[in-house]
Amino acid sequence: MSALPGRSLPEGIIVTPLQRNADDRGSLVEVFRKSWQTGIEPVQWNFVESGPNVLRGFHVHIWHTDYLVLVRG
């Protein structure tokens, strides 16, 4: 995590560059990870884009809660 070069940010603000992971189906961007040491409790937040007629793979968590926001589509 680092500040933006040449930018003045308020004290205590940390900027984390996000990585877009894309393929021919769409893309995923992690917008939060617990490992980033932000002091808040969520485990992970993602931004996902999927192309038309794409079904993403399934996986299982023994105990897991998702909060989803449909931005478009």
C-alpha atoms as a PDB file:
ATOM      1  CA  MET A   1       0.000   0.000   0.000  1.00  0.00           C
ATOM      2  CA  SER A   2       1.338   3.388  -0.900  1.00  0.00           C
ATOM      3  CA  ALA A   3       0.319   6.983  -1.503  1.00  0.00           C
ATOM      4  CA  LEU A   4      -0.145   8.383  -4.989  1.00  0.00           C
ATOM      5  CA  PRO A   5       3.072   9.948  -6.323  1.00  0.00           C
ATOM      6  CA  GLY A   6       2.891  13.739  -6.438  1.00  0.00           C
ATOM      7  CA  ARG A   7      -0.421  13.866  -4.543  1.00  0.00           C
ATOM      8  CA  SER A   8      -1.019  15.226  -1.065  1.00  0.00           C
ATOM      9  CA  LEU A   9      -3.410  13.058   0.940  1.00  0.00           C
ATOM     10  CA  PRO A  10      -4.875  13.669   4.392  1.00  0.00           C
ATOM     11  CA  GLU A  11      -2.882  12.083   7.202  1.00  0.00           C
ATOM     12  CA  GLY A  12      -3.732   8.414   7.705  1.00  0.00           C
ATOM     13  CA  ILE A  13      -5.071   7.854   4.161  1.00  0.00           C
ATOM     14  CA  ILE A  14      -3.545   4.867   2.376  1.00  0.00           C
ATOM     15  CA  VAL A  15      -4.055   4.248  -1.352  1.00  0.00           C
ATOM     16  CA  THR A  16      -3.808   0.681  -2.641  1.00  0.00           C
ATOM     17  CA  PRO A  17      -3.450   0.186  -6.403  1.00  0.00           C
ATOM     18  CA  LEU A  18      -6.092  -2.291  -7.590  1.00  0.00           C
ATOM     19  CA  GLN A  19      -5.385  -5.058 -10.087  1.00  0.00           C
ATOM     20  CA  ARG A  20      -7.935  -5.944 -12.773  1.00  0.00           C
ATOM     21  CA  ASN A  21      -7.849  -9.655 -13.654  1.00  0.00           C
ATOM     22  CA  ALA A  22      -9.458 -10.125 -17.068  1.00  0.00           C
ATOM     23  CA  ASP A  23     -10.016 -12.833 -19.636  1.00  0.00           C
ATOM     24  CA  ASP A  24     -12.470 -13.364 -22.503  1.00  0.00           C
ATOM     25  CA  ARG A  25     -15.341 -13.923 -20.003  1.00  0.00           C
ATOM     26  CA  GLY A  26     -14.944 -10.572 -18.221  1.00  0.00           C
ATOM     27  CA  SER A  27     -12.921  -9.342 -15.262  1.00  0.00           C
ATOM     28  CA  LEU A  28     -12.571  -9.282 -11.478  1.00  0.00           C
ATOM     29  CA  VAL A  29     -11.039  -6.591  -9.259  1.00  0.00           C
ATOM     30  CA  GLU A  30     -10.510  -7.142  -5.551  1.00  0.00           C
ATOM     31  CA  VAL A  31     -11.544  -3.861  -3.917  1.00  0.00           C
ATOM     32  CA  PHE A  32     -10.794  -5.021  -0.361  1.00  0.00           C
ATOM     33  CA  ARG A  33      -8.738  -7.775   1.270  1.00  0.00           C
ATOM     34  CA  LYS A  34      -8.416  -8.370   5.000  1.00  0.00           C
ATOM     35  CA  SER A  35      -4.667  -8.912   4.510  1.00  0.00           C
ATOM     36  CA  TRP A  36      -4.288  -5.214   3.532  1.00  0.00           C
ATOM     37  CA  GLN A  37      -4.293  -4.262   7.252  1.00  0.00           C
ATOM     38  CA  THR A  38      -6.910  -1.499   7.002  1.00  0.00           C
ATOM     39  CA  GLY A  39      -8.287  -1.970  10.498  1.00  0.00           C
ATOM     40  CA  ILE A  40     -11.774  -2.982   9.277  1.00  0.00           C
ATOM     41  CA  GLU A  41     -13.233  -6.498   9.519  1.00  0.00           C
ATOM     42  CA  PRO A  42     -14.611  -7.586   6.095  1.00  0.00           C
ATOM     43  CA  VAL A  43     -12.596 -10.430   4.547  1.00  0.00           C
ATOM     44  CA  GLN A  44     -12.748  -9.438   0.871  1.00  0.00           C
ATOM     45  CA  TRP A  45     -14.707  -7.177  -1.508  1.00  0.00           C
ATOM     46  CA  ASN A  46     -14.667  -7.749  -5.269  1.00  0.00           C
ATOM     47  CA  PHE A  47     -15.797  -5.937  -8.394  1.00  0.00           C
ATOM     48  CA  VAL A  48     -16.665  -8.472 -11.113  1.00  0.00           C
ATOM     49  CA  GLU A  49     -17.597  -7.973 -14.759  1.00  0.00           C
ATOM     50  CA  SER A  50     -18.851 -10.923 -16.809  1.00  0.00           C
ATOM     51  CA  GLY A  51     -19.505 -11.157 -20.512  1.00  0.00           C
ATOM     52  CA  PRO A  52     -22.847 -12.275 -21.979  1.00  0.00           C
ATOM     53  CA  ASN A  53     -23.780 -15.937 -21.360  1.00  0.00           C
ATOM     54  CA  VAL A  54     -20.951 -16.447 -18.829  1.00  0.00           C
ATOM     55  CA  LEU A  55     -21.480 -18.699 -15.810  1.00  0.00           C
ATOM     56  CA  ARG A  56     -18.736 -18.326 -13.204  1.00  0.00           C
ATOM     57  CA  GLY A  57     -17.383 -21.369 -11.381  1.00  0.00           C
ATOM     58  CA  PHE A  58     -18.899 -22.442  -8.084  1.00  0.00           C
ATOM     59  CA  HIS A  59     -17.007 -22.861  -4.822  1.00  0.00           C
ATOM     60  CA  VAL A  60     -18.006 -23.586  -1.226  1.00  0.00           C
ATOM     61  CA  HIS A  61     -17.364 -21.823   2.080  1.00  0.00           C
ATOM     62  CA  ILE A  62     -18.504 -23.590   5.265  1.00  0.00           C
ATOM     63  CA  TRP A  63     -19.674 -20.223   6.686  1.00  0.00           C
ATOM     64  CA  HIS A  64     -19.793 -17.255   4.350  1.00  0.00           C
ATOM     65  CA  THR A  65     -21.924 -14.170   3.734  1.00  0.00           C
ATOM     66  CA  ASP A  66     -21.843 -12.214   0.469  1.00  0.00           C
ATOM     67  CA  TYR A  67     -23.220  -8.729  -0.130  1.00  0.00           C
ATOM     68  CA  LEU A  68     -23.694  -8.093  -3.838  1.00  0.00           C
ATOM     69  CA  VAL A  69     -24.470  -4.955  -5.799  1.00  0.00           C
ATOM     70  CA  LEU A  70     -25.603  -5.286  -9.411  1.00  0.00           C
ATOM     71  CA  VAL A  71     -24.081  -2.326 -11.217  1.00  0.00           C
ATOM     72  CA  ARG A  72     -25.288  -3.151 -14.709  1.00  0.00           C
ATOM     73  CA  GLY A  73     -26.578  -6.071 -16.734  1.00  0.00           C
END
